[in-house]
Amino acid sequence: MLPDGTIGIIYECGPKGSVHYWDEVRFARFNLEWLTGGNDTLFGNEKEKSVP
C-alpha cells in the first residue's frame, strides 16, 4: 500500500507471444474500490478522506 492509500504492483512483461517476459518492468497503481468492484473501501462506510 502506498502513502496515498492506493495499491501498487511492479511486474515483468514482454511483447505478446514472447517467452522473454522480463523484457519490460512495469508499475501499476489501483485503488481498493476499483479492485473490489466497489465492494470494499479503505475507510468502510465513511466518505473517502486523504491518507496522511
N, C-alpha and C. Protein backbone atom coordinates (compact mmCIF):
# COMPACT_ATOMS: atom_id res chain seq x y z
N MET A 1 0.84 -1.16 0.00
CA MET A 1 0.00 0.00 0.00
C MET A 1 0.89 1.23 0.00
N LEU A 2 0.54 2.18 -0.83
CA LEU A 2 1.31 3.41 -0.97
C LEU A 2 0.79 4.48 -0.01
N PRO A 3 1.58 5.50 0.26
CA PRO A 3 1.18 6.53 1.22
C PRO A 3 -0.16 7.21 0.89
N ASP A 4 -0.55 7.25 -0.38
CA ASP A 4 -1.82 7.90 -0.74
C ASP A 4 -3.02 6.97 -0.64
N GLY A 5 -2.81 5.73 -0.15
CA GLY A 5 -3.90 4.78 0.03
C GLY A 5 -4.15 3.88 -1.16
N THR A 6 -3.42 4.07 -2.26
CA THR A 6 -3.56 3.19 -3.41
C THR A 6 -2.66 1.97 -3.23
N ILE A 7 -2.88 0.97 -4.07
CA ILE A 7 -2.11 -0.27 -4.02
C ILE A 7 -1.25 -0.34 -5.27
N GLY A 8 0.04 -0.55 -5.10
CA GLY A 8 0.95 -0.59 -6.24
C GLY A 8 1.49 -1.98 -6.47
N ILE A 9 1.80 -2.26 -7.72
CA ILE A 9 2.41 -3.55 -8.08
C ILE A 9 3.44 -3.30 -9.17
N ILE A 10 4.58 -3.94 -9.05
CA ILE A 10 5.61 -3.92 -10.08
C ILE A 10 5.66 -5.32 -10.68
N TYR A 11 5.64 -5.39 -12.02
CA TYR A 11 5.64 -6.71 -12.66
C TYR A 11 6.46 -6.68 -13.94
N GLU A 12 6.92 -7.85 -14.34
CA GLU A 12 7.68 -8.00 -15.58
C GLU A 12 6.74 -8.48 -16.68
N CYS A 13 7.00 -8.02 -17.89
CA CYS A 13 6.20 -8.46 -19.04
C CYS A 13 7.02 -8.29 -20.31
N GLY A 14 6.52 -8.85 -21.38
CA GLY A 14 7.18 -8.74 -22.67
C GLY A 14 6.15 -8.68 -23.77
N PRO A 15 6.59 -8.56 -25.00
CA PRO A 15 5.67 -8.50 -26.13
C PRO A 15 4.82 -9.76 -26.25
N LYS A 16 3.62 -9.63 -26.80
CA LYS A 16 2.72 -10.76 -27.00
C LYS A 16 3.44 -11.85 -27.81
N GLY A 17 3.36 -13.07 -27.32
CA GLY A 17 3.99 -14.19 -28.00
C GLY A 17 5.45 -14.41 -27.61
N SER A 18 6.02 -13.50 -26.87
CA SER A 18 7.42 -13.63 -26.47
C SER A 18 7.55 -14.53 -25.25
N VAL A 19 8.62 -15.28 -25.19
CA VAL A 19 8.92 -16.07 -24.00
C VAL A 19 9.83 -15.29 -23.05
N HIS A 20 10.17 -14.08 -23.44
CA HIS A 20 11.04 -13.23 -22.63
C HIS A 20 10.20 -12.24 -21.83
N TYR A 21 9.52 -12.75 -20.80
CA TYR A 21 8.63 -11.91 -20.01
C TYR A 21 9.38 -10.83 -19.24
N TRP A 22 10.68 -10.92 -19.15
CA TRP A 22 11.48 -9.96 -18.41
C TRP A 22 11.93 -8.76 -19.27
N ASP A 23 11.42 -8.66 -20.49
CA ASP A 23 11.83 -7.57 -21.38
C ASP A 23 11.48 -6.19 -20.83
N GLU A 24 10.39 -6.10 -20.09
CA GLU A 24 9.96 -4.81 -19.55
C GLU A 24 9.58 -4.97 -18.08
N VAL A 25 9.78 -3.91 -17.32
CA VAL A 25 9.30 -3.84 -15.95
C VAL A 25 8.28 -2.72 -15.91
N ARG A 26 7.10 -3.01 -15.38
CA ARG A 26 6.03 -2.02 -15.34
C ARG A 26 5.53 -1.83 -13.92
N PHE A 27 4.91 -0.69 -13.69
CA PHE A 27 4.30 -0.37 -12.40
C PHE A 27 2.84 -0.01 -12.65
N ALA A 28 1.96 -0.56 -11.84
CA ALA A 28 0.53 -0.22 -11.94
C ALA A 28 0.04 0.17 -10.55
N ARG A 29 -0.93 1.07 -10.53
CA ARG A 29 -1.49 1.54 -9.27
C ARG A 29 -3.01 1.43 -9.35
N PHE A 30 -3.63 0.92 -8.29
CA PHE A 30 -5.07 0.74 -8.24
C PHE A 30 -5.58 1.25 -6.91
N ASN A 31 -6.86 1.63 -6.87
CA ASN A 31 -7.45 1.90 -5.57
C ASN A 31 -8.28 0.69 -5.15
N LEU A 32 -8.53 0.55 -3.87
CA LEU A 32 -9.22 -0.60 -3.34
C LEU A 32 -10.62 -0.74 -3.92
N GLU A 33 -11.30 0.37 -4.10
CA GLU A 33 -12.65 0.33 -4.64
C GLU A 33 -12.67 -0.28 -6.04
N TRP A 34 -11.70 0.07 -6.87
CA TRP A 34 -11.63 -0.48 -8.23
C TRP A 34 -11.33 -1.98 -8.18
N LEU A 35 -10.39 -2.36 -7.32
CA LEU A 35 -10.01 -3.77 -7.24
C LEU A 35 -11.15 -4.66 -6.75
N THR A 36 -12.03 -4.13 -5.91
CA THR A 36 -13.11 -4.94 -5.34
C THR A 36 -14.46 -4.65 -5.99
N GLY A 37 -14.48 -3.91 -7.08
CA GLY A 37 -15.74 -3.60 -7.75
C GLY A 37 -16.66 -2.76 -6.89
N GLY A 38 -16.09 -1.95 -5.99
CA GLY A 38 -16.87 -1.10 -5.12
C GLY A 38 -17.38 -1.79 -3.87
N ASN A 39 -17.01 -3.06 -3.67
CA ASN A 39 -17.50 -3.81 -2.51
C ASN A 39 -16.71 -3.54 -1.23
N ASP A 40 -15.59 -2.86 -1.34
CA ASP A 40 -14.78 -2.55 -0.17
C ASP A 40 -14.15 -1.19 -0.36
N THR A 41 -13.97 -0.48 0.73
CA THR A 41 -13.30 0.82 0.68
C THR A 41 -12.26 0.88 1.78
N LEU A 42 -11.35 1.78 1.65
CA LEU A 42 -10.29 1.94 2.64
C LEU A 42 -10.85 2.38 3.99
N PHE A 43 -11.92 3.17 3.97
CA PHE A 43 -12.46 3.74 5.20
C PHE A 43 -13.84 3.20 5.56
N GLY A 44 -14.21 2.04 5.05
CA GLY A 44 -15.52 1.47 5.38
C GLY A 44 -16.65 2.34 4.85
N ASN A 45 -17.60 2.67 5.70
CA ASN A 45 -18.76 3.46 5.30
C ASN A 45 -18.51 4.96 5.31
N GLU A 46 -17.38 5.40 5.84
CA GLU A 46 -17.07 6.82 5.86
C GLU A 46 -16.80 7.33 4.46
N LYS A 47 -17.00 8.62 4.25
CA LYS A 47 -16.60 9.23 2.98
C LYS A 47 -15.09 9.16 2.88
N GLU A 48 -14.60 8.96 1.65
CA GLU A 48 -13.15 8.83 1.44
C GLU A 48 -12.46 10.10 1.87
N LYS A 49 -11.37 9.93 2.60
CA LYS A 49 -10.56 11.07 3.01
C LYS A 49 -9.11 10.77 2.72
N SER A 50 -8.29 11.78 2.69
CA SER A 50 -6.89 11.56 2.32
C SER A 50 -6.17 10.82 3.42
N VAL A 51 -5.19 10.03 3.00
CA VAL A 51 -4.36 9.26 3.92
C VAL A 51 -3.11 10.08 4.20
N PRO A 52 -2.77 10.26 5.48
CA PRO A 52 -1.57 11.04 5.80
C PRO A 52 -0.31 10.43 5.27
